[in-house]
Amino acid sequence: MCRTPDIGLRQGVAPQSTVRHMSETVERGTPRFRTPSVESSLNAKLLPTVLSVIAGSVDAIGFLGLGGLFTAHVTGNLVILAGHLVSGSGAPVAPMLSVPVFVATLGLTRLLAGALERIGFASLRPLLLLQFLLLAGFFVLCASAGPRIDPDATKAILAGMLGVSAMAVQNALVQISLKGAPSTAVMTTNITRFMMDVGDVMLGRKPADVAKARDRAMRTLPAIVGFAVGCGLGATCEAAIGLWSLALPAGLALVAVAMGMTTDLEGGHDP
C-alpha cells in the first residue's frame, strides 16, 4: 500500500518539530539575560549601598575641593548658578557646564544601554565599568595637579566634568540596570520615600500594603546611610589630603565593577 506524502512537506511548510528545533537553535544562538533585581543575590543587594557611598564621597570632595561644584546633584548646581546670576557676581564655569554635561551624559548612557540590550548584553557591567573609568580619570587629572587646584583652571573644570559624567552614569544605571534599587544620589527623594513608608508601616491597615512599605523602607535605608557615610568619609579625606582623596570613590567604583561581574545576569531579559 502506497503511503501518502506528508502534505506539509509537499506544500513547503516545515513540520512542527522542525519549526520548534529552529526556534530553539535561534534562542541558543542569542545571548539571553535579565535585568538583575536587588533581591537576586547578595552582591546585587549590596551594590546600591556601595554606589551611595561613592556618590556621597564624590559630592563632598568635589564641593570642598573644586569651589562648590556638586558632581551628583544637578539641583545644587542650578541653585548656585541662579544665585550668582541674580546677584550679578558672575556664574562659575564648572557649575554652569555641569547641567548640560549631566543631561547629555544621561542621554548618551541611555542610548548605550539600549544598544547593548539590542545585541543581547546586559547593561549593568558595562555601565559600572564606564563609571569607574570616568572616576579614575577624575582622580588622575586632579592628582596630577597636586592635592589643591584652582577651581577655575582648565584642568579642574575638565576633571569636574568627568566627575559629573560619572554620577550621571550612576544615576542612569540604577534605573536602567538594577531593578528595584532606590536612588543612590538623590537623598531628598529617598528620605521622603522612607518616611512615607515608615508611616504606612505604622498606620497601614492592609497587611499586603504594610509588607510592601516595609520592603521599600528596608531597601531605601541602606542607600541613605551609605550616602551619609560617603559624605563623611569624603569630607574627612579631603580635609586631610585634598583632591588625592578621590582615590576613595575611584577605588570603591572598582569594587562595584567586581560586584557587578559576580552578579547573576542569566535567565531571560525582564522588560
C-alpha atoms as a PDB file:
ATOM      1  CA  MET A   1       0.000   0.000   0.000  1.00  0.00           C
ATOM      2  CA  CYS A   2       1.450   3.358  -1.060  1.00  0.00           C
ATOM      3  CA  ARG A   3       1.877   5.958   1.719  1.00  0.00           C
ATOM      4  CA  THR A   4       0.544   9.438   1.109  1.00  0.00           C
ATOM      5  CA  PRO A   5       3.393  12.013   1.132  1.00  0.00           C
ATOM      6  CA  ASP A   6       3.356  14.488   4.003  1.00  0.00           C
ATOM      7  CA  ILE A   7       1.173  17.405   2.925  1.00  0.00           C
ATOM      8  CA  GLY A   8       3.261  19.831   4.981  1.00  0.00           C
ATOM      9  CA  LEU A   9       6.465  18.838   3.193  1.00  0.00           C
ATOM     10  CA  ARG A  10       4.790  18.811  -0.219  1.00  0.00           C
ATOM     11  CA  GLN A  11       3.486  22.357   0.259  1.00  0.00           C
ATOM     12  CA  GLY A  12       6.835  23.639   1.521  1.00  0.00           C
ATOM     13  CA  VAL A  13       5.689  24.003   5.136  1.00  0.00           C
ATOM     14  CA  ALA A  14       8.137  22.704   7.735  1.00  0.00           C
ATOM     15  CA  PRO A  15       6.762  20.176  10.239  1.00  0.00           C
ATOM     16  CA  GLN A  16       6.061  21.484  13.717  1.00  0.00           C
ATOM     17  CA  SER A  17       9.032  19.587  15.163  1.00  0.00           C
ATOM     18  CA  THR A  18      11.349  21.264  12.659  1.00  0.00           C
ATOM     19  CA  VAL A  19       9.963  24.704  13.490  1.00  0.00           C
ATOM     20  CA  ARG A  20      10.458  24.008  17.194  1.00  0.00           C
ATOM     21  CA  HIS A  21      14.027  22.881  16.580  1.00  0.00           C
ATOM     22  CA  MET A  22      14.785  26.008  14.541  1.00  0.00           C
ATOM     23  CA  SER A  23      13.313  28.208  17.280  1.00  0.00           C
ATOM     24  CA  GLU A  24      15.423  26.523  19.936  1.00  0.00           C
ATOM     25  CA  THR A  25      18.527  26.930  17.767  1.00  0.00           C
ATOM     26  CA  VAL A  26      17.867  30.656  17.393  1.00  0.00           C
ATOM     27  CA  GLU A  27      17.338  31.003  21.141  1.00  0.00           C
ATOM     28  CA  ARG A  28      20.568  29.157  21.880  1.00  0.00           C
ATOM     29  CA  GLY A  29      22.431  31.433  19.486  1.00  0.00           C
ATOM     30  CA  THR A  30      21.055  34.619  21.033  1.00  0.00           C
ATOM     31  CA  PRO A  31      22.517  35.663  24.409  1.00  0.00           C
ATOM     32  CA  ARG A  32      19.778  35.958  26.975  1.00  0.00           C
ATOM     33  CA  PHE A  33      19.918  37.992  30.164  1.00  0.00           C
ATOM     34  CA  ARG A  34      17.713  39.623  32.706  1.00  0.00           C
ATOM     35  CA  THR A  35      17.963  42.960  34.462  1.00  0.00           C
ATOM     36  CA  PRO A  36      19.119  41.872  37.930  1.00  0.00           C
ATOM     37  CA  SER A  37      16.905  42.695  40.879  1.00  0.00           C
ATOM     38  CA  VAL A  38      18.335  43.941  44.159  1.00  0.00           C
ATOM     39  CA  GLU A  39      16.884  40.756  45.627  1.00  0.00           C
ATOM     40  CA  SER A  40      18.543  38.413  43.104  1.00  0.00           C
ATOM     41  CA  SER A  41      21.818  37.980  45.020  1.00  0.00           C
ATOM     42  CA  LEU A  42      23.821  39.366  47.932  1.00  0.00           C
ATOM     43  CA  ASN A  43      26.035  41.400  45.593  1.00  0.00           C
ATOM     44  CA  ALA A  44      23.022  42.942  43.864  1.00  0.00           C
ATOM     45  CA  LYS A  45      21.528  43.771  47.259  1.00  0.00           C
ATOM     46  CA  LEU A  46      24.728  45.462  48.495  1.00  0.00           C
ATOM     47  CA  LEU A  47      25.551  47.257  45.241  1.00  0.00           C
ATOM     48  CA  PRO A  48      23.196  50.265  45.786  1.00  0.00           C
ATOM     49  CA  THR A  49      24.808  50.897  49.179  1.00  0.00           C
ATOM     50  CA  VAL A  50      28.304  50.896  47.659  1.00  0.00           C
ATOM     51  CA  LEU A  51      27.111  53.228  44.901  1.00  0.00           C
ATOM     52  CA  SER A  52      25.611  55.540  47.532  1.00  0.00           C
ATOM     53  CA  VAL A  53      28.934  55.738  49.377  1.00  0.00           C
ATOM     54  CA  ILE A  54      30.616  56.582  46.063  1.00  0.00           C
ATOM     55  CA  ALA A  55      28.096  59.330  45.284  1.00  0.00           C
ATOM     56  CA  GLY A  56      28.335  60.843  48.761  1.00  0.00           C
ATOM     57  CA  SER A  57      32.124  60.886  48.803  1.00  0.00           C
ATOM     58  CA  VAL A  58      32.424  62.306  45.272  1.00  0.00           C
ATOM     59  CA  ASP A  59      29.876  65.010  46.037  1.00  0.00           C
ATOM     60  CA  ALA A  60      31.619  66.063  49.271  1.00  0.00           C
ATOM     61  CA  ILE A  61      35.112  66.011  47.769  1.00  0.00           C
ATOM     62  CA  GLY A  62      34.026  67.916  44.669  1.00  0.00           C
ATOM     63  CA  PHE A  63      32.189  70.530  46.715  1.00  0.00           C
ATOM     64  CA  LEU A  64      35.146  71.146  49.030  1.00  0.00           C
ATOM     65  CA  GLY A  65      37.967  70.778  46.531  1.00  0.00           C
ATOM     66  CA  LEU A  66      36.505  72.301  43.377  1.00  0.00           C
ATOM     67  CA  GLY A  67      34.978  75.515  44.606  1.00  0.00           C
ATOM     68  CA  GLY A  68      31.480  74.338  45.446  1.00  0.00           C
ATOM     69  CA  LEU A  69      30.836  72.039  42.469  1.00  0.00           C
ATOM     70  CA  PHE A  70      28.176  69.382  43.103  1.00  0.00           C
ATOM     71  CA  THR A  71      29.032  66.356  40.986  1.00  0.00           C
ATOM     72  CA  ALA A  72      25.983  64.268  41.906  1.00  0.00           C
ATOM     73  CA  HIS A  73      23.307  66.937  42.414  1.00  0.00           C
ATOM     74  CA  VAL A  74      22.193  68.984  39.431  1.00  0.00           C
ATOM     75  CA  THR A  75      19.757  70.777  41.767  1.00  0.00           C
ATOM     76  CA  GLY A  76      22.604  72.184  43.843  1.00  0.00           C
ATOM     77  CA  ASN A  77      24.423  73.458  40.763  1.00  0.00           C
ATOM     78  CA  LEU A  78      21.236  75.109  39.499  1.00  0.00           C
ATOM     79  CA  VAL A  79      20.839  76.912  42.827  1.00  0.00           C
ATOM     80  CA  ILE A  80      24.454  78.119  42.759  1.00  0.00           C
ATOM     81  CA  LEU A  81      24.112  79.194  39.132  1.00  0.00           C
ATOM     82  CA  ALA A  82      20.873  81.101  39.734  1.00  0.00           C
ATOM     83  CA  GLY A  83      22.295  82.775  42.849  1.00  0.00           C
ATOM     84  CA  HIS A  84      25.375  84.043  41.036  1.00  0.00           C
ATOM     85  CA  LEU A  85      23.403  85.253  38.038  1.00  0.00           C
ATOM     86  CA  VAL A  86      20.839  87.135  40.116  1.00  0.00           C
ATOM     87  CA  SER A  87      23.457  88.686  42.383  1.00  0.00           C
ATOM     88  CA  GLY A  88      25.479  89.784  39.367  1.00  0.00           C
ATOM     89  CA  SER A  89      28.659  88.202  40.697  1.00  0.00           C
ATOM     90  CA  GLY A  90      29.206  86.114  37.572  1.00  0.00           C
ATOM     91  CA  ALA A  91      28.500  82.424  37.208  1.00  0.00           C
ATOM     92  CA  PRO A  92      31.362  79.954  37.831  1.00  0.00           C
ATOM     93  CA  VAL A  93      32.244  77.945  34.738  1.00  0.00           C
ATOM     94  CA  ALA A  94      32.062  74.465  36.284  1.00  0.00           C
ATOM     95  CA  PRO A  95      28.512  74.695  37.749  1.00  0.00           C
ATOM     96  CA  MET A  96      27.365  76.338  34.521  1.00  0.00           C
ATOM     97  CA  LEU A  97      28.734  73.484  32.398  1.00  0.00           C
ATOM     98  CA  SER A  98      27.661  70.750  34.803  1.00  0.00           C
ATOM     99  CA  VAL A  99      23.955  70.950  33.962  1.00  0.00           C
ATOM    100  CA  PRO A 100      24.211  70.356  30.179  1.00  0.00           C
ATOM    101  CA  VAL A 101      27.018  67.822  30.709  1.00  0.00           C
ATOM    102  CA  PHE A 102      24.881  65.870  33.200  1.00  0.00           C
ATOM    103  CA  VAL A 103      21.858  65.894  30.890  1.00  0.00           C
ATOM    104  CA  ALA A 104      23.892  64.930  27.815  1.00  0.00           C
ATOM    105  CA  THR A 105      25.597  62.076  29.656  1.00  0.00           C
ATOM    106  CA  LEU A 106      22.254  60.740  30.839  1.00  0.00           C
ATOM    107  CA  GLY A 107      21.015  60.673  27.251  1.00  0.00           C
ATOM    108  CA  LEU A 108      24.165  59.011  25.925  1.00  0.00           C
ATOM    109  CA  THR A 109      24.070  56.436  28.722  1.00  0.00           C
ATOM    110  CA  ARG A 110      20.504  55.518  27.839  1.00  0.00           C
ATOM    111  CA  LEU A 111      21.451  55.127  24.183  1.00  0.00           C
ATOM    112  CA  LEU A 112      24.429  52.953  25.115  1.00  0.00           C
ATOM    113  CA  ALA A 113      22.298  50.742  27.363  1.00  0.00           C
ATOM    114  CA  GLY A 114      19.697  50.370  24.619  1.00  0.00           C
ATOM    115  CA  ALA A 115      22.359  49.409  22.065  1.00  0.00           C
ATOM    116  CA  LEU A 116      23.831  46.812  24.425  1.00  0.00           C
ATOM    117  CA  GLU A 117      20.431  45.271  25.104  1.00  0.00           C
ATOM    118  CA  ARG A 118      19.601  45.098  21.387  1.00  0.00           C
ATOM    119  CA  ILE A 119      22.664  42.944  20.757  1.00  0.00           C
ATOM    120  CA  GLY A 120      21.902  40.736  23.761  1.00  0.00           C
ATOM    121  CA  PHE A 121      24.146  42.134  26.517  1.00  0.00           C
ATOM    122  CA  ALA A 122      23.003  43.273  29.943  1.00  0.00           C
ATOM    123  CA  SER A 123      23.998  46.881  30.597  1.00  0.00           C
ATOM    124  CA  LEU A 124      24.939  46.639  34.295  1.00  0.00           C
ATOM    125  CA  ARG A 125      28.574  45.598  33.921  1.00  0.00           C
ATOM    126  CA  PRO A 126      29.497  47.949  31.052  1.00  0.00           C
ATOM    127  CA  LEU A 127      27.920  50.918  32.837  1.00  0.00           C
ATOM    128  CA  LEU A 128      29.685  50.118  36.105  1.00  0.00           C
ATOM    129  CA  LEU A 129      32.958  49.915  34.166  1.00  0.00           C
ATOM    130  CA  LEU A 130      32.215  53.227  32.435  1.00  0.00           C
ATOM    131  CA  GLN A 131      31.575  54.887  35.797  1.00  0.00           C
ATOM    132  CA  PHE A 132      34.881  53.553  37.123  1.00  0.00           C
ATOM    133  CA  LEU A 133      36.810  54.855  34.105  1.00  0.00           C
ATOM    134  CA  LEU A 134      35.263  58.315  34.476  1.00  0.00           C
ATOM    135  CA  LEU A 135      36.043  58.442  38.211  1.00  0.00           C
ATOM    136  CA  ALA A 136      39.566  57.179  37.561  1.00  0.00           C
ATOM    137  CA  GLY A 137      40.031  59.990  35.032  1.00  0.00           C
ATOM    138  CA  PHE A 138      38.644  62.473  37.581  1.00  0.00           C
ATOM    139  CA  PHE A 139      41.178  61.271  40.142  1.00  0.00           C
ATOM    140  CA  VAL A 140      44.159  61.211  37.744  1.00  0.00           C
ATOM    141  CA  LEU A 141      43.541  64.738  36.453  1.00  0.00           C
ATOM    142  CA  CYS A 142      43.180  66.170  39.945  1.00  0.00           C
ATOM    143  CA  ALA A 143      46.072  64.161  41.437  1.00  0.00           C
ATOM    144  CA  SER A 144      48.396  65.298  38.642  1.00  0.00           C
ATOM    145  CA  ALA A 145      47.839  68.902  39.751  1.00  0.00           C
ATOM    146  CA  GLY A 146      48.536  68.168  43.412  1.00  0.00           C
ATOM    147  CA  PRO A 147      46.245  67.980  46.434  1.00  0.00           C
ATOM    148  CA  ARG A 148      44.918  71.505  45.801  1.00  0.00           C
ATOM    149  CA  ILE A 149      43.872  73.026  42.489  1.00  0.00           C
ATOM    150  CA  ASP A 150      42.432  76.302  41.255  1.00  0.00           C
ATOM    151  CA  PRO A 151      38.714  75.537  40.645  1.00  0.00           C
ATOM    152  CA  ASP A 152      38.723  77.868  37.620  1.00  0.00           C
ATOM    153  CA  ALA A 153      41.727  76.212  35.962  1.00  0.00           C
ATOM    154  CA  THR A 154      41.012  74.339  32.739  1.00  0.00           C
ATOM    155  CA  LYS A 155      42.253  71.059  34.217  1.00  0.00           C
ATOM    156  CA  ALA A 156      39.984  71.462  37.252  1.00  0.00           C
ATOM    157  CA  ILE A 157      36.939  72.187  35.073  1.00  0.00           C
ATOM    158  CA  LEU A 158      37.646  69.195  32.819  1.00  0.00           C
ATOM    159  CA  ALA A 159      38.172  66.966  35.861  1.00  0.00           C
ATOM    160  CA  GLY A 160      34.935  68.206  37.412  1.00  0.00           C
ATOM    161  CA  MET A 161      33.020  67.349  34.244  1.00  0.00           C
ATOM    162  CA  LEU A 162      34.390  63.803  34.388  1.00  0.00           C
ATOM    163  CA  GLY A 163      33.045  63.574  37.943  1.00  0.00           C
ATOM    164  CA  VAL A 164      29.665  64.952  36.852  1.00  0.00           C
ATOM    165  CA  SER A 165      29.568  62.458  33.970  1.00  0.00           C
ATOM    166  CA  ALA A 166      30.392  59.569  36.307  1.00  0.00           C
ATOM    167  CA  MET A 167      27.491  60.494  38.579  1.00  0.00           C
ATOM    168  CA  ALA A 168      25.153  60.834  35.592  1.00  0.00           C
ATOM    169  CA  VAL A 169      26.101  57.298  34.544  1.00  0.00           C
ATOM    170  CA  GLN A 170      25.429  56.080  38.089  1.00  0.00           C
ATOM    171  CA  ASN A 171      22.026  57.771  38.229  1.00  0.00           C
ATOM    172  CA  ALA A 172      21.094  56.178  34.910  1.00  0.00           C
ATOM    173  CA  LEU A 173      22.381  52.674  35.627  1.00  0.00           C
ATOM    174  CA  VAL A 174      20.431  52.419  38.890  1.00  0.00           C
ATOM    175  CA  GLN A 175      17.199  52.987  36.953  1.00  0.00           C
ATOM    176  CA  ILE A 176      18.133  51.027  33.819  1.00  0.00           C
ATOM    177  CA  SER A 177      20.277  48.156  35.017  1.00  0.00           C
ATOM    178  CA  LEU A 178      19.334  47.353  38.630  1.00  0.00           C
ATOM    179  CA  LYS A 179      15.681  46.546  39.127  1.00  0.00           C
ATOM    180  CA  GLY A 180      14.098  47.701  42.384  1.00  0.00           C
ATOM    181  CA  ALA A 181      17.059  49.793  43.554  1.00  0.00           C
ATOM    182  CA  PRO A 182      16.474  53.156  45.248  1.00  0.00           C
ATOM    183  CA  SER A 183      18.226  56.284  44.053  1.00  0.00           C
ATOM    184  CA  THR A 184      21.863  56.274  45.138  1.00  0.00           C
ATOM    185  CA  ALA A 185      22.386  60.041  44.863  1.00  0.00           C
ATOM    186  CA  VAL A 186      19.063  61.872  45.395  1.00  0.00           C
ATOM    187  CA  MET A 187      18.610  61.717  49.142  1.00  0.00           C
ATOM    188  CA  THR A 188      15.693  64.174  49.307  1.00  0.00           C
ATOM    189  CA  THR A 189      13.564  61.677  47.391  1.00  0.00           C
ATOM    190  CA  ASN A 190      14.913  58.722  49.364  1.00  0.00           C
ATOM    191  CA  ILE A 191      14.287  60.306  52.774  1.00  0.00           C
ATOM    192  CA  THR A 192      10.777  61.352  51.745  1.00  0.00           C
ATOM    193  CA  ARG A 193      10.004  57.852  50.441  1.00  0.00           C
ATOM    194  CA  PHE A 194      11.472  56.268  53.572  1.00  0.00           C
ATOM    195  CA  MET A 195       9.409  58.371  55.964  1.00  0.00           C
ATOM    196  CA  MET A 196       6.207  57.778  53.974  1.00  0.00           C
ATOM    197  CA  ASP A 197       6.859  54.045  54.097  1.00  0.00           C
ATOM    198  CA  VAL A 198       7.553  54.180  57.847  1.00  0.00           C
ATOM    199  CA  GLY A 199       4.203  55.940  58.252  1.00  0.00           C
ATOM    200  CA  ASP A 200       2.491  53.269  56.155  1.00  0.00           C
ATOM    201  CA  VAL A 201       4.038  50.531  58.288  1.00  0.00           C
ATOM    202  CA  MET A 202       2.829  52.197  61.484  1.00  0.00           C
ATOM    203  CA  LEU A 203      -0.641  53.212  60.285  1.00  0.00           C
ATOM    204  CA  GLY A 204      -1.429  50.792  57.472  1.00  0.00           C
ATOM    205  CA  ARG A 205      -4.445  48.532  57.812  1.00  0.00           C
ATOM    206  CA  LYS A 206      -3.872  46.115  54.930  1.00  0.00           C
ATOM    207  CA  PRO A 207      -1.156  43.538  55.651  1.00  0.00           C
ATOM    208  CA  ALA A 208      -0.115  43.436  51.981  1.00  0.00           C
ATOM    209  CA  ASP A 209       0.396  47.207  51.829  1.00  0.00           C
ATOM    210  CA  VAL A 210       2.293  47.178  55.117  1.00  0.00           C
ATOM    211  CA  ALA A 211       4.580  44.428  53.816  1.00  0.00           C
ATOM    212  CA  LYS A 212       5.325  46.372  50.611  1.00  0.00           C
ATOM    213  CA  ALA A 213       6.046  49.549  52.565  1.00  0.00           C
ATOM    214  CA  ARG A 214       8.366  47.692  54.932  1.00  0.00           C
ATOM    215  CA  ASP A 215      10.209  46.139  51.983  1.00  0.00           C
ATOM    216  CA  ARG A 216      10.693  49.534  50.301  1.00  0.00           C
ATOM    217  CA  ALA A 217      11.899  51.099  53.539  1.00  0.00           C
ATOM    218  CA  MET A 218      14.448  48.316  54.076  1.00  0.00           C
ATOM    219  CA  ARG A 219      15.812  48.890  50.556  1.00  0.00           C
ATOM    220  CA  THR A 220      15.929  52.676  50.889  1.00  0.00           C
ATOM    221  CA  LEU A 221      17.538  52.971  54.332  1.00  0.00           C
ATOM    222  CA  PRO A 222      20.942  51.473  53.342  1.00  0.00           C
ATOM    223  CA  ALA A 223      21.201  53.965  50.457  1.00  0.00           C
ATOM    224  CA  ILE A 224      20.548  56.888  52.828  1.00  0.00           C
ATOM    225  CA  VAL A 225      23.072  55.616  55.356  1.00  0.00           C
ATOM    226  CA  GLY A 226      25.599  54.857  52.614  1.00  0.00           C
ATOM    227  CA  PHE A 227      25.378  58.362  51.165  1.00  0.00           C
ATOM    228  CA  ALA A 228      25.782  59.935  54.619  1.00  0.00           C
ATOM    229  CA  VAL A 229      28.801  57.735  55.341  1.00  0.00           C
ATOM    230  CA  GLY A 230      30.250  58.632  51.939  1.00  0.00           C
ATOM    231  CA  CYS A 231      29.846  62.347  52.626  1.00  0.00           C
ATOM    232  CA  GLY A 232      31.568  61.991  55.992  1.00  0.00           C
ATOM    233  CA  LEU A 233      34.451  59.939  54.594  1.00  0.00           C
ATOM    234  CA  GLY A 234      34.853  62.199  51.586  1.00  0.00           C
ATOM    235  CA  ALA A 235      34.901  65.392  53.655  1.00  0.00           C
ATOM    236  CA  THR A 236      37.343  63.920  56.175  1.00  0.00           C
ATOM    237  CA  CYS A 237      39.709  62.662  53.489  1.00  0.00           C
ATOM    238  CA  GLU A 238      39.540  65.908  51.514  1.00  0.00           C
ATOM    239  CA  ALA A 239      40.423  67.925  54.605  1.00  0.00           C
ATOM    240  CA  ALA A 240      43.421  65.654  55.201  1.00  0.00           C
ATOM    241  CA  ILE A 241      44.861  65.077  51.723  1.00  0.00           C
ATOM    242  CA  GLY A 242      42.904  67.299  49.363  1.00  0.00           C
ATOM    243  CA  LEU A 243      41.825  66.022  45.967  1.00  0.00           C
ATOM    244  CA  TRP A 244      44.033  62.958  46.311  1.00  0.00           C
ATOM    245  CA  SER A 245      41.070  61.715  48.353  1.00  0.00           C
ATOM    246  CA  LEU A 246      39.340  60.985  45.040  1.00  0.00           C
ATOM    247  CA  ALA A 247      41.205  57.687  45.217  1.00  0.00           C
ATOM    248  CA  LEU A 248      38.444  56.641  47.669  1.00  0.00           C
ATOM    249  CA  PRO A 249      35.449  56.804  45.274  1.00  0.00           C
ATOM    250  CA  ALA A 250      37.577  55.544  42.371  1.00  0.00           C
ATOM    251  CA  GLY A 251      38.601  52.520  44.444  1.00  0.00           C
ATOM    252  CA  LEU A 252      35.015  51.885  45.519  1.00  0.00           C
ATOM    253  CA  ALA A 253      33.914  52.113  41.884  1.00  0.00           C
ATOM    254  CA  LEU A 254      36.382  49.330  41.087  1.00  0.00           C
ATOM    255  CA  VAL A 255      34.830  47.288  43.907  1.00  0.00           C
ATOM    256  CA  ALA A 256      31.397  47.955  42.349  1.00  0.00           C
ATOM    257  CA  VAL A 257      32.694  46.639  38.999  1.00  0.00           C
ATOM    258  CA  ALA A 258      33.880  43.460  40.710  1.00  0.00           C
ATOM    259  CA  MET A 259      30.493  43.073  42.399  1.00  0.00           C
ATOM    260  CA  GLY A 260      28.750  43.539  39.067  1.00  0.00           C
ATOM    261  CA  MET A 261      30.930  40.860  37.491  1.00  0.00           C
ATOM    262  CA  THR A 262      29.709  38.310  40.016  1.00  0.00           C
ATOM    263  CA  THR A 263      26.038  39.315  39.818  1.00  0.00           C
ATOM    264  CA  ASP A 264      23.835  36.743  38.070  1.00  0.00           C
ATOM    265  CA  LEU A 265      22.544  38.076  34.730  1.00  0.00           C
ATOM    266  CA  GLU A 266      21.293  34.826  33.212  1.00  0.00           C
ATOM    267  CA  GLY A 267      17.757  33.647  32.685  1.00  0.00           C
ATOM    268  CA  GLY A 268      15.980  35.886  30.201  1.00  0.00           C
ATOM    269  CA  HIS A 269      15.509  39.618  29.907  1.00  0.00           C
ATOM    270  CA  ASP A 270      12.979  41.405  32.068  1.00  0.00           C
ATOM    271  CA  PRO A 271      11.389  44.240  30.107  1.00  0.00           C
END
